Amino acid sequence: MMAPEVAIIAESHVHGRKDIPMNVQGVTKAPVEIGDDVWLGFRSIVLPGVKIRNGAIIAAGAVVTKDVQEYTIVAGIPARAIKQR
């Protein structure tokens, strides 16, 4: 399930060099994987390279920066496990 205004982001700007503007340094891409029976709450954000395993719940407004294990509920910025289903 996916609530309104969820953002799933699979790329990010490169920003390591200071001698050239960030917008010309390119991007890195990393796929996002979302398992079965996952619930992404309102305005949650999933960042590049994250794997959300089966049965997980992502709370409204959470920013997911790391993998989420099966049947885990995460919340916050950055998202952290708050309980198991």
PDB file of N, CA and C in Angstrom:
ATOM      1  N   MET A   1       0.853  -1.173   0.000  1.00  0.00           N
ATOM      2  CA  MET A   1       0.000   0.000   0.000  1.00  0.00           C
ATOM      3  C   MET A   1       0.897   1.234   0.000  1.00  0.00           C
ATOM      4  N   MET A   2       0.405   2.262  -0.683  1.00  0.00           N
ATOM      5  CA  MET A   2       1.177   3.498  -0.758  1.00  0.00           C
ATOM      6  C   MET A   2       0.232   4.675  -0.548  1.00  0.00           C
ATOM      7  N   ALA A   3       0.485   5.438   0.493  1.00  0.00           N
ATOM      8  CA  ALA A   3      -0.316   6.629   0.779  1.00  0.00           C
ATOM      9  C   ALA A   3       0.056   7.751  -0.193  1.00  0.00           C
ATOM     10  N   PRO A   4      -0.701   8.833  -0.189  1.00  0.00           N
ATOM     11  CA  PRO A   4      -0.372   9.954  -1.070  1.00  0.00           C
ATOM     12  C   PRO A   4       0.985  10.580  -0.741  1.00  0.00           C
ATOM     13  N   GLU A   5       1.584  11.142  -1.775  1.00  0.00           N
ATOM     14  CA  GLU A   5       2.800  11.944  -1.690  1.00  0.00           C
ATOM     15  C   GLU A   5       4.039  11.190  -1.203  1.00  0.00           C
ATOM     16  N   VAL A   6       4.074   9.878  -1.417  1.00  0.00           N
ATOM     17  CA  VAL A   6       5.274   9.096  -1.115  1.00  0.00           C
ATOM     18  C   VAL A   6       6.323   9.400  -2.178  1.00  0.00           C
ATOM     19  N   ALA A   7       7.595   9.501  -1.767  1.00  0.00           N
ATOM     20  CA  ALA A   7       8.692   9.722  -2.709  1.00  0.00           C
ATOM     21  C   ALA A   7       9.646   8.534  -2.643  1.00  0.00           C
ATOM     22  N   ILE A   8       9.871   7.903  -3.789  1.00  0.00           N
ATOM     23  CA  ILE A   8      10.833   6.815  -3.901  1.00  0.00           C
ATOM     24  C   ILE A   8      11.924   7.323  -4.836  1.00  0.00           C
ATOM     25  N   ILE A   9      13.114   7.489  -4.295  1.00  0.00           N
ATOM     26  CA  ILE A   9      14.194   8.158  -5.025  1.00  0.00           C
ATOM     27  C   ILE A   9      15.298   7.144  -5.302  1.00  0.00           C
ATOM     28  N   ALA A  10      15.671   6.991  -6.573  1.00  0.00           N
ATOM     29  CA  ALA A  10      16.664   5.989  -6.950  1.00  0.00           C
ATOM     30  C   ALA A  10      17.978   6.605  -7.450  1.00  0.00           C
ATOM     31  N   GLU A  11      18.111   7.915  -7.365  1.00  0.00           N
ATOM     32  CA  GLU A  11      19.379   8.531  -7.746  1.00  0.00           C
ATOM     33  C   GLU A  11      19.641   9.766  -6.897  1.00  0.00           C
ATOM     34  N   SER A  12      20.920  10.150  -6.859  1.00  0.00           N
ATOM     35  CA  SER A  12      21.329  11.297  -6.051  1.00  0.00           C
ATOM     36  C   SER A  12      22.464  12.023  -6.749  1.00  0.00           C
ATOM     37  N   HIS A  13      22.556  13.315  -6.547  1.00  0.00           N
ATOM     38  CA  HIS A  13      23.642  14.094  -7.133  1.00  0.00           C
ATOM     39  C   HIS A  13      24.974  13.770  -6.474  1.00  0.00           C
ATOM     40  N   VAL A  14      26.013  13.737  -7.267  1.00  0.00           N
ATOM     41  CA  VAL A  14      27.379  13.621  -6.767  1.00  0.00           C
ATOM     42  C   VAL A  14      27.797  15.011  -6.284  1.00  0.00           C
ATOM     43  N   HIS A  15      28.508  15.077  -5.168  1.00  0.00           N
ATOM     44  CA  HIS A  15      28.849  16.389  -4.608  1.00  0.00           C
ATOM     45  C   HIS A  15      30.229  16.427  -3.977  1.00  0.00           C
ATOM     46  N   GLY A  16      31.093  15.503  -4.368  1.00  0.00           N
ATOM     47  CA  GLY A  16      32.404  15.384  -3.728  1.00  0.00           C
ATOM     48  C   GLY A  16      33.433  16.439  -4.094  1.00  0.00           C
ATOM     49  N   ARG A  17      33.288  17.015  -5.272  1.00  0.00           N
ATOM     50  CA  ARG A  17      34.287  18.001  -5.702  1.00  0.00           C
ATOM     51  C   ARG A  17      33.830  19.413  -5.377  1.00  0.00           C
ATOM     52  N   LYS A  18      34.778  20.270  -4.992  1.00  0.00           N
ATOM     53  CA  LYS A  18      34.461  21.662  -4.686  1.00  0.00           C
ATOM     54  C   LYS A  18      34.809  22.603  -5.842  1.00  0.00           C
ATOM     55  N   ASP A  19      35.568  22.099  -6.807  1.00  0.00           N
ATOM     56  CA  ASP A  19      36.039  22.953  -7.891  1.00  0.00           C
ATOM     57  C   ASP A  19      35.049  23.093  -9.045  1.00  0.00           C
ATOM     58  N   ILE A  20      33.995  22.297  -9.036  1.00  0.00           N
ATOM     59  CA  ILE A  20      32.951  22.414 -10.068  1.00  0.00           C
ATOM     60  C   ILE A  20      31.583  22.364  -9.393  1.00  0.00           C
ATOM     61  N   PRO A  21      30.573  22.988  -9.996  1.00  0.00           N
ATOM     62  CA  PRO A  21      29.238  22.999  -9.389  1.00  0.00           C
ATOM     63  C   PRO A  21      28.659  21.584  -9.261  1.00  0.00           C
ATOM     64  N   MET A  22      27.869  21.389  -8.229  1.00  0.00           N
ATOM     65  CA  MET A  22      27.254  20.081  -7.997  1.00  0.00           C
ATOM     66  C   MET A  22      26.391  19.628  -9.167  1.00  0.00           C
ATOM     67  N   ASN A  23      25.714  20.575  -9.809  1.00  0.00           N
ATOM     68  CA  ASN A  23      24.783  20.182 -10.861  1.00  0.00           C
ATOM     69  C   ASN A  23      25.469  19.653 -12.121  1.00  0.00           C
ATOM     70  N   VAL A  24      26.801  19.730 -12.204  1.00  0.00           N
ATOM     71  CA  VAL A  24      27.509  19.158 -13.347  1.00  0.00           C
ATOM     72  C   VAL A  24      28.411  17.981 -12.946  1.00  0.00           C
ATOM     73  N   GLN A  25      28.329  17.543 -11.702  1.00  0.00           N
ATOM     74  CA  GLN A  25      29.139  16.420 -11.237  1.00  0.00           C
ATOM     75  C   GLN A  25      28.499  15.070 -11.518  1.00  0.00           C
ATOM     76  N   GLY A  26      27.285  15.075 -12.032  1.00  0.00           N
ATOM     77  CA  GLY A  26      26.618  13.816 -12.359  1.00  0.00           C
ATOM     78  C   GLY A  26      25.776  13.284 -11.221  1.00  0.00           C
ATOM     79  N   VAL A  27      25.306  12.060 -11.400  1.00  0.00           N
ATOM     80  CA  VAL A  27      24.457  11.415 -10.406  1.00  0.00           C
ATOM     81  C   VAL A  27      24.935   9.988 -10.168  1.00  0.00           C
ATOM     82  N   THR A  28      24.553   9.462  -9.028  1.00  0.00           N
ATOM     83  CA  THR A  28      24.726   8.035  -8.758  1.00  0.00           C
ATOM     84  C   THR A  28      23.341   7.434  -8.707  1.00  0.00           C
ATOM     85  N   LYS A  29      23.224   6.205  -9.193  1.00  0.00           N
ATOM     86  CA  LYS A  29      21.925   5.525  -9.204  1.00  0.00           C
ATOM     87  C   LYS A  29      22.024   4.250  -8.390  1.00  0.00           C
ATOM     88  N   ALA A  30      20.982   3.981  -7.615  1.00  0.00           N
ATOM     89  CA  ALA A  30      20.908   2.756  -6.823  1.00  0.00           C
ATOM     90  C   ALA A  30      19.437   2.363  -6.725  1.00  0.00           C
ATOM     91  N   PRO A  31      19.070   1.190  -7.215  1.00  0.00           N
ATOM     92  CA  PRO A  31      17.664   0.800  -7.215  1.00  0.00           C
ATOM     93  C   PRO A  31      17.098   0.651  -5.805  1.00  0.00           C
ATOM     94  N   VAL A  32      15.811   0.903  -5.687  1.00  0.00           N
ATOM     95  CA  VAL A  32      15.063   0.689  -4.449  1.00  0.00           C
ATOM     96  C   VAL A  32      14.276  -0.598  -4.618  1.00  0.00           C
ATOM     97  N   GLU A  33      14.290  -1.457  -3.601  1.00  0.00           N
ATOM     98  CA  GLU A  33      13.530  -2.708  -3.646  1.00  0.00           C
ATOM     99  C   GLU A  33      12.474  -2.681  -2.555  1.00  0.00           C
ATOM    100  N   ILE A  34      11.233  -2.984  -2.942  1.00  0.00           N
ATOM    101  CA  ILE A  34      10.122  -2.996  -1.986  1.00  0.00           C
ATOM    102  C   ILE A  34       9.446  -4.357  -2.075  1.00  0.00           C
ATOM    103  N   GLY A  35       9.377  -5.048  -0.939  1.00  0.00           N
ATOM    104  CA  GLY A  35       8.812  -6.392  -0.886  1.00  0.00           C
ATOM    105  C   GLY A  35       7.292  -6.390  -0.944  1.00  0.00           C
ATOM    106  N   ASP A  36       6.716  -7.549  -0.687  1.00  0.00           N
ATOM    107  CA  ASP A  36       5.266  -7.733  -0.692  1.00  0.00           C
ATOM    108  C   ASP A  36       4.653  -7.272   0.625  1.00  0.00           C
ATOM    109  N   ASP A  37       3.413  -6.840   0.561  1.00  0.00           N
ATOM    110  CA  ASP A  37       2.621  -6.464   1.736  1.00  0.00           C
ATOM    111  C   ASP A  37       3.315  -5.388   2.576  1.00  0.00           C
ATOM    112  N   VAL A  38       3.845  -4.374   1.894  1.00  0.00           N
ATOM    113  CA  VAL A  38       4.504  -3.239   2.551  1.00  0.00           C
ATOM    114  C   VAL A  38       3.554  -2.055   2.533  1.00  0.00           C
ATOM    115  N   TRP A  39       3.569  -1.255   3.596  1.00  0.00           N
ATOM    116  CA  TRP A  39       2.734  -0.059   3.688  1.00  0.00           C
ATOM    117  C   TRP A  39       3.654   1.145   3.828  1.00  0.00           C
ATOM    118  N   LEU A  40       3.599   2.039   2.847  1.00  0.00           N
ATOM    119  CA  LEU A  40       4.367   3.276   2.882  1.00  0.00           C
ATOM    120  C   LEU A  40       3.432   4.404   3.279  1.00  0.00           C
ATOM    121  N   GLY A  41       3.681   5.025   4.428  1.00  0.00           N
ATOM    122  CA  GLY A  41       2.802   6.052   4.969  1.00  0.00           C
ATOM    123  C   GLY A  41       2.917   7.381   4.241  1.00  0.00           C
ATOM    124  N   PHE A  42       1.963   8.246   4.493  1.00  0.00           N
ATOM    125  CA  PHE A  42       1.842   9.565   3.880  1.00  0.00           C
ATOM    126  C   PHE A  42       3.155  10.341   3.956  1.00  0.00           C
ATOM    127  N   ARG A  43       3.583  10.853   2.806  1.00  0.00           N
ATOM    128  CA  ARG A  43       4.796  11.664   2.674  1.00  0.00           C
ATOM    129  C   ARG A  43       6.070  10.991   3.174  1.00  0.00           C
ATOM    130  N   SER A  44       6.096   9.667   3.209  1.00  0.00           N
ATOM    131  CA  SER A  44       7.353   8.999   3.534  1.00  0.00           C
ATOM    132  C   SER A  44       8.285   9.114   2.333  1.00  0.00           C
ATOM    133  N   ILE A  45       9.590   9.024   2.611  1.00  0.00           N
ATOM    134  CA  ILE A  45      10.610   9.159   1.577  1.00  0.00           C
ATOM    135  C   ILE A  45      11.547   7.963   1.685  1.00  0.00           C
ATOM    136  N   VAL A  46      11.783   7.307   0.556  1.00  0.00           N
ATOM    137  CA  VAL A  46      12.698   6.173   0.497  1.00  0.00           C
ATOM    138  C   VAL A  46      13.874   6.587  -0.379  1.00  0.00           C
ATOM    139  N   LEU A  47      15.086   6.531   0.169  1.00  0.00           N
ATOM    140  CA  LEU A  47      16.275   7.004  -0.529  1.00  0.00           C
ATOM    141  C   LEU A  47      16.953   5.896  -1.335  1.00  0.00           C
ATOM    142  N   PRO A  48      17.879   6.257  -2.224  1.00  0.00           N
ATOM    143  CA  PRO A  48      18.497   5.284  -3.127  1.00  0.00           C
ATOM    144  C   PRO A  48      19.150   4.105  -2.416  1.00  0.00           C
ATOM    145  N   GLY A  49      18.998   2.918  -3.032  1.00  0.00           N
ATOM    146  CA  GLY A  49      19.658   1.719  -2.554  1.00  0.00           C
ATOM    147  C   GLY A  49      18.996   0.996  -1.407  1.00  0.00           C
ATOM    148  N   VAL A  50      17.863   1.497  -0.924  1.00  0.00           N
ATOM    149  CA  VAL A  50      17.186   0.908   0.234  1.00  0.00           C
ATOM    150  C   VAL A  50      16.376  -0.324  -0.193  1.00  0.00           C
ATOM    151  N   LYS A  51      16.385  -1.351   0.680  1.00  0.00           N
ATOM    152  CA  LYS A  51      15.540  -2.535   0.497  1.00  0.00           C
ATOM    153  C   LYS A  51      14.544  -2.576   1.647  1.00  0.00           C
ATOM    154  N   ILE A  52      13.266  -2.569   1.311  1.00  0.00           N
ATOM    155  CA  ILE A  52      12.214  -2.685   2.321  1.00  0.00           C
ATOM    156  C   ILE A  52      11.628  -4.085   2.172  1.00  0.00           C
ATOM    157  N   ARG A  53      11.808  -4.886   3.180  1.00  0.00           N
ATOM    158  CA  ARG A  53      11.433  -6.294   3.089  1.00  0.00           C
ATOM    159  C   ARG A  53       9.938  -6.501   3.366  1.00  0.00           C
ATOM    160  N   ASN A  54       9.477  -7.707   3.069  1.00  0.00           N
ATOM    161  CA  ASN A  54       8.059  -8.066   3.159  1.00  0.00           C
ATOM    162  C   ASN A  54       7.440  -7.691   4.508  1.00  0.00           C
ATOM    163  N   GLY A  55       6.223  -7.149   4.442  1.00  0.00           N
ATOM    164  CA  GLY A  55       5.435  -6.898   5.634  1.00  0.00           C
ATOM    165  C   GLY A  55       5.818  -5.685   6.447  1.00  0.00           C
ATOM    166  N   ALA A  56       6.768  -4.902   5.979  1.00  0.00           N
ATOM    167  CA  ALA A  56       7.214  -3.732   6.743  1.00  0.00           C
ATOM    168  C   ALA A  56       6.199  -2.595   6.642  1.00  0.00           C
ATOM    169  N   ILE A  57       6.235  -1.712   7.635  1.00  0.00           N
ATOM    170  CA  ILE A  57       5.413  -0.506   7.633  1.00  0.00           C
ATOM    171  C   ILE A  57       6.346   0.693   7.811  1.00  0.00           C
ATOM    172  N   ILE A  58       6.185   1.671   6.921  1.00  0.00           N
ATOM    173  CA  ILE A  58       6.954   2.904   6.990  1.00  0.00           C
ATOM    174  C   ILE A  58       5.994   3.997   7.449  1.00  0.00           C
ATOM    175  N   ALA A  59       6.261   4.602   8.590  1.00  0.00           N
ATOM    176  CA  ALA A  59       5.360   5.598   9.167  1.00  0.00           C
ATOM    177  C   ALA A  59       5.295   6.856   8.303  1.00  0.00           C
ATOM    178  N   ALA A  60       4.214   7.583   8.460  1.00  0.00           N
ATOM    179  CA  ALA A  60       4.046   8.859   7.757  1.00  0.00           C
ATOM    180  C   ALA A  60       5.219   9.780   8.065  1.00  0.00           C
ATOM    181  N   GLY A  61       5.763  10.393   7.022  1.00  0.00           N
ATOM    182  CA  GLY A  61       6.838  11.357   7.190  1.00  0.00           C
ATOM    183  C   GLY A  61       8.219  10.781   7.427  1.00  0.00           C
ATOM    184  N   ALA A  62       8.342   9.454   7.486  1.00  0.00           N
ATOM    185  CA  ALA A  62       9.646   8.833   7.729  1.00  0.00           C
ATOM    186  C   ALA A  62      10.563   9.024   6.525  1.00  0.00           C
ATOM    187  N   VAL A  63      11.862   9.129   6.785  1.00  0.00           N
ATOM    188  CA  VAL A  63      12.867   9.181   5.732  1.00  0.00           C
ATOM    189  C   VAL A  63      13.716   7.919   5.881  1.00  0.00           C
ATOM    190  N   VAL A  64      13.549   6.992   4.936  1.00  0.00           N
ATOM    191  CA  VAL A  64      14.198   5.688   5.032  1.00  0.00           C
ATOM    192  C   VAL A  64      15.556   5.757   4.334  1.00  0.00           C
ATOM    193  N   THR A  65      16.618   5.639   5.129  1.00  0.00           N
ATOM    194  CA  THR A  65      17.978   5.740   4.615  1.00  0.00           C
ATOM    195  C   THR A  65      18.713   4.404   4.627  1.00  0.00           C
ATOM    196  N   LYS A  66      18.157   3.406   5.331  1.00  0.00           N
ATOM    197  CA  LYS A  66      18.780   2.085   5.458  1.00  0.00           C
ATOM    198  C   LYS A  66      17.731   1.006   5.224  1.00  0.00           C
ATOM    199  N   ASP A  67      18.189  -0.200   4.962  1.00  0.00           N
ATOM    200  CA  ASP A  67      17.287  -1.328   4.727  1.00  0.00           C
ATOM    201  C   ASP A  67      16.355  -1.542   5.919  1.00  0.00           C
ATOM    202  N   VAL A  68      15.144  -2.015   5.614  1.00  0.00           N
ATOM    203  CA  VAL A  68      14.135  -2.303   6.639  1.00  0.00           C
ATOM    204  C   VAL A  68      13.860  -3.801   6.601  1.00  0.00           C
ATOM    205  N   GLN A  69      13.992  -4.454   7.741  1.00  0.00           N
ATOM    206  CA  GLN A  69      13.806  -5.896   7.821  1.00  0.00           C
ATOM    207  C   GLN A  69      12.326  -6.280   7.771  1.00  0.00           C
ATOM    208  N   GLU A  70      12.062  -7.569   7.519  1.00  0.00           N
ATOM    209  CA  GLU A  70      10.684  -8.061   7.436  1.00  0.00           C
ATOM    210  C   GLU A  70       9.887  -7.720   8.690  1.00  0.00           C
ATOM    211  N   TYR A  71       8.649  -7.343   8.473  1.00  0.00           N
ATOM    212  CA  TYR A  71       7.654  -7.100   9.538  1.00  0.00           C
ATOM    213  C   TYR A  71       8.125  -6.097  10.585  1.00  0.00           C
ATOM    214  N   THR A  72       8.955  -5.156  10.169  1.00  0.00           N
ATOM    215  CA  THR A  72       9.436  -4.109  11.066  1.00  0.00           C
ATOM    216  C   THR A  72       8.697  -2.812  10.768  1.00  0.00           C
ATOM    217  N   ILE A  73       8.347  -2.083  11.810  1.00  0.00           N
ATOM    218  CA  ILE A  73       7.726  -0.767  11.670  1.00  0.00           C
ATOM    219  C   ILE A  73       8.800   0.264  11.962  1.00  0.00           C
ATOM    220  N   VAL A  74       8.986   1.186  11.013  1.00  0.00           N
ATOM    221  CA  VAL A  74      10.000   2.233  11.186  1.00  0.00           C
ATOM    222  C   VAL A  74       9.340   3.605  11.144  1.00  0.00           C
ATOM    223  N   ALA A  75       9.947   4.562  11.847  1.00  0.00           N
ATOM    224  CA  ALA A  75       9.436   5.936  11.893  1.00  0.00           C
ATOM    225  C   ALA A  75      10.596   6.877  12.158  1.00  0.00           C
ATOM    226  N   GLY A  76      10.403   8.147  11.791  1.00  0.00           N
ATOM    227  CA  GLY A  76      11.374   9.181  12.136  1.00  0.00           C
ATOM    228  C   GLY A  76      12.258   9.603  10.987  1.00  0.00           C
ATOM    229  N   ILE A  77      13.139  10.563  11.320  1.00  0.00           N
ATOM    230  CA  ILE A  77      14.095  11.114  10.365  1.00  0.00           C
ATOM    231  C   ILE A  77      15.463  11.091  11.034  1.00  0.00           C
ATOM    232  N   PRO A  78      16.344  10.190  10.660  1.00  0.00           N
ATOM    233  CA  PRO A  78      16.126   9.086   9.731  1.00  0.00           C
ATOM    234  C   PRO A  78      15.264   8.007  10.374  1.00  0.00           C
ATOM    235  N   ALA A  79      14.648   7.188   9.541  1.00  0.00           N
ATOM    236  CA  ALA A  79      13.754   6.133  10.049  1.00  0.00           C
ATOM    237  C   ALA A  79      14.531   5.131  10.885  1.00  0.00           C
ATOM    238  N   ARG A  80      13.912   4.769  12.020  1.00  0.00           N
ATOM    239  CA  ARG A  80      14.474   3.750  12.914  1.00  0.00           C
ATOM    240  C   ARG A  80      13.367   2.789  13.303  1.00  0.00           C
ATOM    241  N   ALA A  81      13.751   1.549  13.586  1.00  0.00           N
ATOM    242  CA  ALA A  81      12.778   0.547  14.005  1.00  0.00           C
ATOM    243  C   ALA A  81      12.147   0.959  15.326  1.00  0.00           C
ATOM    244  N   ILE A  82      10.804   0.911  15.368  1.00  0.00           N
ATOM    245  CA  ILE A  82      10.121   1.237  16.628  1.00  0.00           C
ATOM    246  C   ILE A  82       9.387   0.032  17.197  1.00  0.00           C
ATOM    247  N   LYS A  83       9.081  -0.958  16.342  1.00  0.00           N
ATOM    248  CA  LYS A  83       8.486  -2.206  16.842  1.00  0.00           C
ATOM    249  C   LYS A  83       8.401  -3.224  15.718  1.00  0.00           C
ATOM    250  N   GLN A  84       8.028  -4.424  16.082  1.00  0.00           N
ATOM    251  CA  GLN A  84       7.832  -5.523  15.129  1.00  0.00           C
ATOM    252  C   GLN A  84       6.338  -5.816  15.003  1.00  0.00           C
ATOM    253  N   ARG A  85       5.943  -6.241  13.830  1.00  0.00           N
ATOM    254  CA  ARG A  85       4.550  -6.659  13.637  1.00  0.00           C
ATOM    255  C   ARG A  85       4.391  -8.083  14.087  1.00  0.00           C
TER     256      ARG A  85
END
